């Protein structure tokens, strides 16, 4: 298993590609959310959700074609990606609600935990569930 990862340059660079795609999606979200709240007559929360959805579409494409270079069918991978994205969104709501509002911890604690936990879980789930079938297929370089 380790030898396969070392011999495959894509596999060895996958975490860096994941980071690049994630940072790109985060920046896109921030820019779009700011633009929507400044330039459009919509509530900030609505603009944020719209920006999040657009950034998620960018993230899906980036992870499919750049991070994991998956040839799997969209009809299988896109719904799985959507489930993972919704779980991340729910986590970013639940951790602050429980830890700050429920237990009285400073806001920085759940924010930091969200920033660490969600990307780690996302990488594993994207690798093994969302794009895993295509990566493990014939001729692939599954780790």
N, C-alpha and C. Protein backbone atom coordinates (compact mmCIF):
# COMPACT_ATOMS: atom_id res chain seq x y z
N UNK A 1 0.83 -1.18 0.00
CA UNK A 1 0.00 0.00 0.00
C UNK A 1 0.88 1.25 0.00
N UNK A 2 1.89 1.29 0.84
CA UNK A 2 2.78 2.44 0.88
C UNK A 2 3.57 2.57 -0.42
N UNK A 3 4.02 1.45 -0.96
CA UNK A 3 4.80 1.47 -2.21
C UNK A 3 3.97 2.04 -3.35
N UNK A 4 2.68 1.71 -3.39
CA UNK A 4 1.82 2.24 -4.45
C UNK A 4 1.70 3.75 -4.35
N UNK A 5 1.60 4.26 -3.11
CA UNK A 5 1.47 5.71 -2.93
C UNK A 5 2.77 6.42 -3.30
N UNK A 6 3.91 5.80 -2.99
CA UNK A 6 5.19 6.42 -3.30
C UNK A 6 5.45 6.41 -4.79
N UNK A 7 5.05 5.33 -5.47
CA UNK A 7 5.32 5.23 -6.90
C UNK A 7 4.36 6.05 -7.74
N UNK A 8 3.29 6.53 -7.18
CA UNK A 8 2.31 7.32 -7.91
C UNK A 8 2.46 8.78 -7.51
N UNK A 9 3.00 9.62 -8.41
CA UNK A 9 3.21 11.03 -8.04
C UNK A 9 1.92 11.76 -7.70
N UNK A 10 0.79 11.39 -8.33
CA UNK A 10 -0.49 12.04 -8.01
C UNK A 10 -0.88 11.75 -6.57
N UNK A 11 -0.73 10.48 -6.15
CA UNK A 11 -1.11 10.11 -4.79
C UNK A 11 -0.27 10.84 -3.77
N UNK A 12 1.00 11.01 -4.03
CA UNK A 12 1.87 11.67 -3.06
C UNK A 12 1.58 13.17 -2.97
N UNK A 13 1.02 13.73 -4.01
CA UNK A 13 0.69 15.17 -4.01
C UNK A 13 -0.78 15.44 -3.69
N UNK A 14 -1.55 14.40 -3.48
CA UNK A 14 -2.99 14.56 -3.25
C UNK A 14 -3.31 15.47 -2.07
N UNK A 15 -2.64 15.35 -0.93
CA UNK A 15 -2.96 16.28 0.18
C UNK A 15 -2.71 17.75 -0.18
N UNK A 16 -1.68 18.02 -0.95
CA UNK A 16 -1.40 19.40 -1.36
C UNK A 16 -2.50 19.86 -2.32
N UNK A 17 -2.89 19.00 -3.23
CA UNK A 17 -3.97 19.35 -4.16
C UNK A 17 -5.28 19.59 -3.41
N UNK A 18 -5.52 18.78 -2.38
CA UNK A 18 -6.70 18.96 -1.55
C UNK A 18 -6.68 20.33 -0.89
N UNK A 19 -5.54 20.69 -0.36
CA UNK A 19 -5.37 21.99 0.30
C UNK A 19 -5.58 23.14 -0.68
N UNK A 20 -5.02 23.05 -1.87
CA UNK A 20 -5.16 24.10 -2.88
C UNK A 20 -6.64 24.27 -3.26
N UNK A 21 -7.31 23.15 -3.50
CA UNK A 21 -8.73 23.21 -3.87
C UNK A 21 -9.56 23.78 -2.73
N UNK A 22 -9.28 23.34 -1.51
CA UNK A 22 -10.03 23.82 -0.35
C UNK A 22 -9.84 25.31 -0.10
N UNK A 23 -8.61 25.76 -0.22
CA UNK A 23 -8.34 27.20 -0.05
C UNK A 23 -9.03 28.00 -1.15
N UNK A 24 -8.97 27.49 -2.37
CA UNK A 24 -9.64 28.16 -3.48
C UNK A 24 -11.14 28.27 -3.26
N UNK A 25 -11.75 27.19 -2.80
CA UNK A 25 -13.20 27.20 -2.55
C UNK A 25 -13.54 28.15 -1.41
N UNK A 26 -12.70 28.18 -0.39
CA UNK A 26 -12.94 29.07 0.75
C UNK A 26 -12.82 30.53 0.33
N UNK A 27 -11.81 30.84 -0.45
CA UNK A 27 -11.66 32.22 -0.94
C UNK A 27 -12.82 32.61 -1.84
N UNK A 28 -13.23 31.69 -2.72
CA UNK A 28 -14.37 31.97 -3.59
C UNK A 28 -15.62 32.26 -2.76
N UNK A 29 -15.86 31.43 -1.74
CA UNK A 29 -17.00 31.66 -0.86
C UNK A 29 -16.93 33.05 -0.23
N UNK A 30 -15.77 33.39 0.33
CA UNK A 30 -15.63 34.67 1.03
C UNK A 30 -15.86 35.85 0.08
N UNK A 31 -15.28 35.77 -1.10
CA UNK A 31 -15.44 36.85 -2.08
C UNK A 31 -16.89 36.98 -2.54
N UNK A 32 -17.52 35.84 -2.84
CA UNK A 32 -18.91 35.88 -3.29
C UNK A 32 -19.85 36.35 -2.18
N UNK A 33 -19.65 35.87 -0.98
CA UNK A 33 -20.51 36.28 0.13
C UNK A 33 -20.39 37.78 0.37
N UNK A 34 -19.17 38.29 0.32
CA UNK A 34 -18.97 39.74 0.50
C UNK A 34 -19.61 40.52 -0.64
N UNK A 35 -19.44 40.03 -1.86
CA UNK A 35 -20.01 40.72 -3.02
C UNK A 35 -21.53 40.71 -2.98
N UNK A 36 -22.11 39.56 -2.64
CA UNK A 36 -23.56 39.46 -2.59
C UNK A 36 -24.13 40.38 -1.51
N UNK A 37 -23.47 40.45 -0.37
CA UNK A 37 -23.99 41.28 0.71
C UNK A 37 -23.83 42.76 0.40
N UNK A 38 -22.82 43.11 -0.40
CA UNK A 38 -22.58 44.53 -0.71
C UNK A 38 -23.35 45.01 -1.92
N UNK A 39 -23.51 44.17 -2.91
CA UNK A 39 -24.03 44.63 -4.20
C UNK A 39 -25.46 44.20 -4.50
N UNK A 40 -25.98 43.27 -3.74
CA UNK A 40 -27.31 42.77 -4.07
C UNK A 40 -28.27 43.07 -2.92
N UNK A 41 -29.50 43.35 -3.27
CA UNK A 41 -30.48 43.64 -2.22
C UNK A 41 -31.01 42.35 -1.60
N UNK A 42 -30.12 41.59 -0.96
CA UNK A 42 -30.57 40.36 -0.31
C UNK A 42 -30.00 40.32 1.10
N UNK A 43 -30.63 39.53 1.91
CA UNK A 43 -30.15 39.35 3.28
C UNK A 43 -28.76 38.71 3.25
N UNK A 44 -27.96 39.04 4.23
CA UNK A 44 -26.60 38.50 4.32
C UNK A 44 -26.62 36.98 4.38
N UNK A 45 -27.53 36.40 5.14
CA UNK A 45 -27.58 34.95 5.28
C UNK A 45 -27.91 34.29 3.94
N UNK A 46 -28.82 34.86 3.18
CA UNK A 46 -29.16 34.32 1.87
C UNK A 46 -27.97 34.41 0.92
N UNK A 47 -27.29 35.54 0.94
CA UNK A 47 -26.09 35.70 0.11
C UNK A 47 -25.01 34.71 0.50
N UNK A 48 -24.89 34.45 1.79
CA UNK A 48 -23.90 33.49 2.28
C UNK A 48 -24.22 32.08 1.82
N UNK A 49 -25.48 31.71 1.89
CA UNK A 49 -25.89 30.37 1.44
C UNK A 49 -25.66 30.22 -0.06
N UNK A 50 -26.00 31.24 -0.83
CA UNK A 50 -25.79 31.20 -2.28
C UNK A 50 -24.29 31.10 -2.59
N UNK A 51 -23.49 31.88 -1.89
CA UNK A 51 -22.04 31.83 -2.08
C UNK A 51 -21.50 30.45 -1.69
N UNK A 52 -22.02 29.88 -0.61
CA UNK A 52 -21.59 28.56 -0.17
C UNK A 52 -21.92 27.51 -1.23
N UNK A 53 -23.10 27.60 -1.82
CA UNK A 53 -23.49 26.64 -2.86
C UNK A 53 -22.59 26.76 -4.09
N UNK A 54 -22.29 27.97 -4.49
CA UNK A 54 -21.40 28.17 -5.65
C UNK A 54 -19.98 27.70 -5.35
N UNK A 55 -19.51 27.97 -4.14
CA UNK A 55 -18.19 27.50 -3.75
C UNK A 55 -18.16 25.98 -3.65
N UNK A 56 -19.27 25.37 -3.24
CA UNK A 56 -19.34 23.91 -3.17
C UNK A 56 -19.26 23.30 -4.57
N UNK A 57 -19.89 23.94 -5.55
CA UNK A 57 -19.80 23.45 -6.94
C UNK A 57 -18.35 23.54 -7.43
N UNK A 58 -17.68 24.64 -7.11
CA UNK A 58 -16.26 24.77 -7.44
C UNK A 58 -15.44 23.69 -6.74
N UNK A 59 -15.75 23.47 -5.48
CA UNK A 59 -15.03 22.47 -4.69
C UNK A 59 -15.22 21.07 -5.27
N UNK A 60 -16.45 20.74 -5.65
CA UNK A 60 -16.71 19.43 -6.26
C UNK A 60 -15.87 19.26 -7.52
N UNK A 61 -15.92 20.22 -8.40
CA UNK A 61 -15.16 20.13 -9.65
C UNK A 61 -13.65 20.06 -9.36
N UNK A 62 -13.19 20.88 -8.44
CA UNK A 62 -11.77 20.88 -8.11
C UNK A 62 -11.30 19.56 -7.55
N UNK A 63 -12.10 18.99 -6.64
CA UNK A 63 -11.70 17.71 -6.05
C UNK A 63 -11.86 16.57 -7.05
N UNK A 64 -12.87 16.62 -7.88
CA UNK A 64 -13.07 15.55 -8.86
C UNK A 64 -11.96 15.54 -9.91
N UNK A 65 -11.66 16.72 -10.46
CA UNK A 65 -10.75 16.77 -11.60
C UNK A 65 -9.30 17.10 -11.24
N UNK A 66 -9.07 17.70 -10.07
CA UNK A 66 -7.72 18.12 -9.71
C UNK A 66 -7.16 17.30 -8.54
N UNK A 67 -7.90 17.24 -7.44
CA UNK A 67 -7.40 16.55 -6.26
C UNK A 67 -7.34 15.04 -6.46
N UNK A 68 -8.47 14.45 -6.84
CA UNK A 68 -8.55 12.99 -6.92
C UNK A 68 -8.53 12.46 -8.35
N UNK A 69 -8.64 13.34 -9.33
CA UNK A 69 -8.62 12.97 -10.76
C UNK A 69 -9.50 11.73 -10.98
N UNK A 70 -10.77 11.89 -10.62
CA UNK A 70 -11.73 10.80 -10.68
C UNK A 70 -12.43 10.74 -12.03
N UNK A 71 -12.59 9.55 -12.54
CA UNK A 71 -13.35 9.35 -13.77
C UNK A 71 -14.72 8.75 -13.47
N UNK A 72 -15.10 8.77 -12.20
CA UNK A 72 -16.40 8.23 -11.81
C UNK A 72 -17.55 9.06 -12.34
N UNK A 73 -18.72 8.45 -12.35
CA UNK A 73 -19.93 9.09 -12.86
C UNK A 73 -20.44 10.17 -11.89
N UNK A 74 -20.83 11.30 -12.46
CA UNK A 74 -21.39 12.39 -11.64
C UNK A 74 -22.61 11.92 -10.87
N UNK A 75 -23.41 11.05 -11.47
CA UNK A 75 -24.65 10.63 -10.81
C UNK A 75 -24.39 9.88 -9.51
N UNK A 76 -23.19 9.35 -9.33
CA UNK A 76 -22.83 8.70 -8.06
C UNK A 76 -22.04 9.64 -7.16
N UNK A 77 -21.11 10.37 -7.75
CA UNK A 77 -20.21 11.19 -6.95
C UNK A 77 -20.83 12.50 -6.48
N UNK A 78 -21.59 13.16 -7.32
CA UNK A 78 -22.17 14.46 -6.94
C UNK A 78 -23.13 14.35 -5.75
N UNK A 79 -24.04 13.37 -5.72
CA UNK A 79 -24.92 13.27 -4.54
C UNK A 79 -24.13 12.96 -3.26
N UNK A 80 -23.10 12.14 -3.36
CA UNK A 80 -22.28 11.83 -2.19
C UNK A 80 -21.54 13.09 -1.72
N UNK A 81 -21.04 13.85 -2.67
CA UNK A 81 -20.37 15.11 -2.33
C UNK A 81 -21.36 16.05 -1.64
N UNK A 82 -22.58 16.11 -2.14
CA UNK A 82 -23.61 16.98 -1.54
C UNK A 82 -23.90 16.56 -0.10
N UNK A 83 -23.99 15.27 0.16
CA UNK A 83 -24.21 14.78 1.52
C UNK A 83 -23.07 15.21 2.43
N UNK A 84 -21.84 15.02 1.97
CA UNK A 84 -20.67 15.41 2.76
C UNK A 84 -20.67 16.92 3.01
N UNK A 85 -21.01 17.70 2.02
CA UNK A 85 -21.05 19.15 2.16
C UNK A 85 -22.10 19.56 3.20
N UNK A 86 -23.25 18.92 3.16
CA UNK A 86 -24.30 19.23 4.13
C UNK A 86 -23.88 18.83 5.55
N UNK A 87 -23.16 17.73 5.67
CA UNK A 87 -22.66 17.32 6.99
C UNK A 87 -21.65 18.34 7.51
N UNK A 88 -20.79 18.84 6.63
CA UNK A 88 -19.84 19.88 7.02
C UNK A 88 -20.55 21.15 7.44
N UNK A 89 -21.57 21.52 6.70
CA UNK A 89 -22.35 22.71 7.03
C UNK A 89 -23.05 22.52 8.38
N UNK A 90 -23.63 21.35 8.60
CA UNK A 90 -24.30 21.07 9.87
C UNK A 90 -23.30 21.08 11.03
N UNK A 91 -22.12 20.56 10.80
CA UNK A 91 -21.08 20.56 11.83
C UNK A 91 -20.68 21.98 12.19
N UNK A 92 -20.56 22.83 11.16
CA UNK A 92 -20.17 24.22 11.42
C UNK A 92 -21.26 24.99 12.17
N UNK A 93 -22.47 24.46 12.18
CA UNK A 93 -23.55 25.05 12.97
C UNK A 93 -23.60 24.40 14.35
N UNK A 94 -23.49 23.07 14.39
CA UNK A 94 -23.68 22.33 15.63
C UNK A 94 -22.57 22.56 16.66
N UNK A 95 -21.32 22.55 16.22
CA UNK A 95 -20.23 22.73 17.19
C UNK A 95 -20.34 24.06 17.95
N UNK A 96 -20.53 25.19 17.26
CA UNK A 96 -20.70 26.43 18.02
C UNK A 96 -21.97 26.43 18.89
N UNK A 97 -23.03 25.84 18.37
CA UNK A 97 -24.27 25.82 19.14
C UNK A 97 -24.10 25.05 20.44
N UNK A 98 -23.44 23.90 20.37
CA UNK A 98 -23.25 23.08 21.56
C UNK A 98 -22.14 23.62 22.46
N UNK A 99 -20.99 23.89 21.86
CA UNK A 99 -19.82 24.24 22.67
C UNK A 99 -19.85 25.68 23.19
N UNK A 100 -20.30 26.62 22.38
CA UNK A 100 -20.33 28.02 22.84
C UNK A 100 -21.65 28.37 23.51
N UNK A 101 -22.72 28.15 22.78
CA UNK A 101 -24.02 28.54 23.33
C UNK A 101 -24.47 27.61 24.45
N UNK A 102 -24.18 26.30 24.30
CA UNK A 102 -24.60 25.34 25.32
C UNK A 102 -23.67 25.24 26.50
N UNK A 103 -22.37 25.17 26.25
CA UNK A 103 -21.41 24.97 27.32
C UNK A 103 -20.66 26.23 27.73
N UNK A 104 -20.87 27.32 27.00
CA UNK A 104 -20.27 28.59 27.36
C UNK A 104 -18.79 28.74 27.01
N UNK A 105 -18.27 27.88 26.14
CA UNK A 105 -16.88 28.01 25.73
C UNK A 105 -16.72 29.20 24.79
N UNK A 106 -15.53 29.79 24.73
CA UNK A 106 -15.31 30.89 23.79
C UNK A 106 -15.53 30.44 22.35
N UNK A 107 -15.98 31.35 21.51
CA UNK A 107 -16.30 31.04 20.11
C UNK A 107 -15.10 30.47 19.36
N UNK A 108 -13.90 30.86 19.76
CA UNK A 108 -12.70 30.38 19.07
C UNK A 108 -12.55 28.86 19.16
N UNK A 109 -13.05 28.24 20.22
CA UNK A 109 -12.91 26.80 20.41
C UNK A 109 -13.68 26.03 19.33
N UNK A 110 -14.99 26.24 19.16
CA UNK A 110 -15.68 25.49 18.12
C UNK A 110 -15.25 25.89 16.71
N UNK A 111 -14.86 27.14 16.54
CA UNK A 111 -14.38 27.56 15.22
C UNK A 111 -13.11 26.81 14.87
N UNK A 112 -12.18 26.75 15.81
CA UNK A 112 -10.92 26.03 15.57
C UNK A 112 -11.19 24.54 15.34
N UNK A 113 -12.06 23.95 16.15
CA UNK A 113 -12.38 22.54 15.97
C UNK A 113 -13.03 22.28 14.61
N UNK A 114 -13.90 23.18 14.19
CA UNK A 114 -14.53 23.04 12.88
C UNK A 114 -13.48 23.13 11.78
N UNK A 115 -12.57 24.07 11.90
CA UNK A 115 -11.53 24.27 10.89
C UNK A 115 -10.58 23.07 10.80
N UNK A 116 -10.42 22.35 11.87
CA UNK A 116 -9.57 21.16 11.87
C UNK A 116 -10.35 19.90 11.50
N UNK A 117 -11.49 19.72 12.14
CA UNK A 117 -12.27 18.49 12.00
C UNK A 117 -12.88 18.33 10.61
N UNK A 118 -13.54 19.35 10.11
CA UNK A 118 -14.24 19.23 8.82
C UNK A 118 -13.29 18.90 7.67
N UNK A 119 -12.17 19.62 7.49
CA UNK A 119 -11.28 19.24 6.40
C UNK A 119 -10.69 17.83 6.53
N UNK A 120 -10.33 17.42 7.75
CA UNK A 120 -9.79 16.07 7.94
C UNK A 120 -10.82 15.01 7.56
N UNK A 121 -12.04 15.17 8.05
CA UNK A 121 -13.10 14.23 7.72
C UNK A 121 -13.39 14.28 6.22
N UNK A 122 -13.44 15.47 5.66
CA UNK A 122 -13.70 15.61 4.22
C UNK A 122 -12.67 14.86 3.39
N UNK A 123 -11.40 15.00 3.72
CA UNK A 123 -10.35 14.33 2.94
C UNK A 123 -10.57 12.81 2.96
N UNK A 124 -10.79 12.26 4.13
CA UNK A 124 -10.97 10.82 4.25
C UNK A 124 -12.23 10.36 3.52
N UNK A 125 -13.32 11.08 3.70
CA UNK A 125 -14.58 10.68 3.07
C UNK A 125 -14.53 10.87 1.56
N UNK A 126 -13.94 11.97 1.10
CA UNK A 126 -13.80 12.17 -0.34
C UNK A 126 -12.96 11.06 -0.94
N UNK A 127 -11.86 10.73 -0.29
CA UNK A 127 -10.93 9.73 -0.80
C UNK A 127 -11.54 8.33 -0.83
N UNK A 128 -12.30 7.99 0.20
CA UNK A 128 -12.78 6.61 0.32
C UNK A 128 -14.23 6.40 -0.07
N UNK A 129 -15.06 7.43 -0.04
CA UNK A 129 -16.47 7.22 -0.33
C UNK A 129 -16.93 7.98 -1.56
N UNK A 130 -16.65 9.26 -1.64
CA UNK A 130 -17.13 10.05 -2.77
C UNK A 130 -16.42 9.66 -4.06
N UNK A 131 -15.10 9.68 -4.05
CA UNK A 131 -14.33 9.37 -5.25
C UNK A 131 -13.60 8.03 -5.15
N UNK A 132 -13.79 7.31 -4.07
CA UNK A 132 -13.06 6.08 -3.81
C UNK A 132 -13.29 4.98 -4.83
N UNK A 133 -14.52 4.83 -5.29
CA UNK A 133 -14.81 3.75 -6.24
C UNK A 133 -14.04 3.96 -7.55
N UNK A 134 -14.00 5.18 -8.03
CA UNK A 134 -13.28 5.46 -9.26
C UNK A 134 -11.77 5.32 -9.05
N UNK A 135 -11.30 5.70 -7.87
CA UNK A 135 -9.88 5.60 -7.58
C UNK A 135 -9.43 4.15 -7.44
N UNK A 136 -10.33 3.29 -6.98
CA UNK A 136 -9.99 1.89 -6.77
C UNK A 136 -10.24 1.04 -8.01
N UNK A 137 -10.77 1.66 -9.08
CA UNK A 137 -11.09 0.91 -10.29
C UNK A 137 -9.85 0.43 -11.02
N UNK A 138 -10.05 -0.37 -12.08
CA UNK A 138 -8.93 -0.89 -12.85
C UNK A 138 -8.07 0.23 -13.42
N UNK A 139 -6.77 0.07 -13.29
CA UNK A 139 -5.85 1.06 -13.83
C UNK A 139 -5.71 2.29 -12.98
N UNK A 140 -6.36 2.30 -11.82
CA UNK A 140 -6.25 3.48 -10.95
C UNK A 140 -5.06 3.33 -10.04
N UNK A 141 -4.79 4.39 -9.34
CA UNK A 141 -3.67 4.38 -8.40
C UNK A 141 -4.19 4.51 -6.98
N UNK A 142 -5.03 3.58 -6.58
CA UNK A 142 -5.57 3.63 -5.23
C UNK A 142 -4.45 3.48 -4.22
N UNK A 143 -4.57 4.25 -3.15
CA UNK A 143 -3.53 4.21 -2.11
C UNK A 143 -3.79 3.04 -1.21
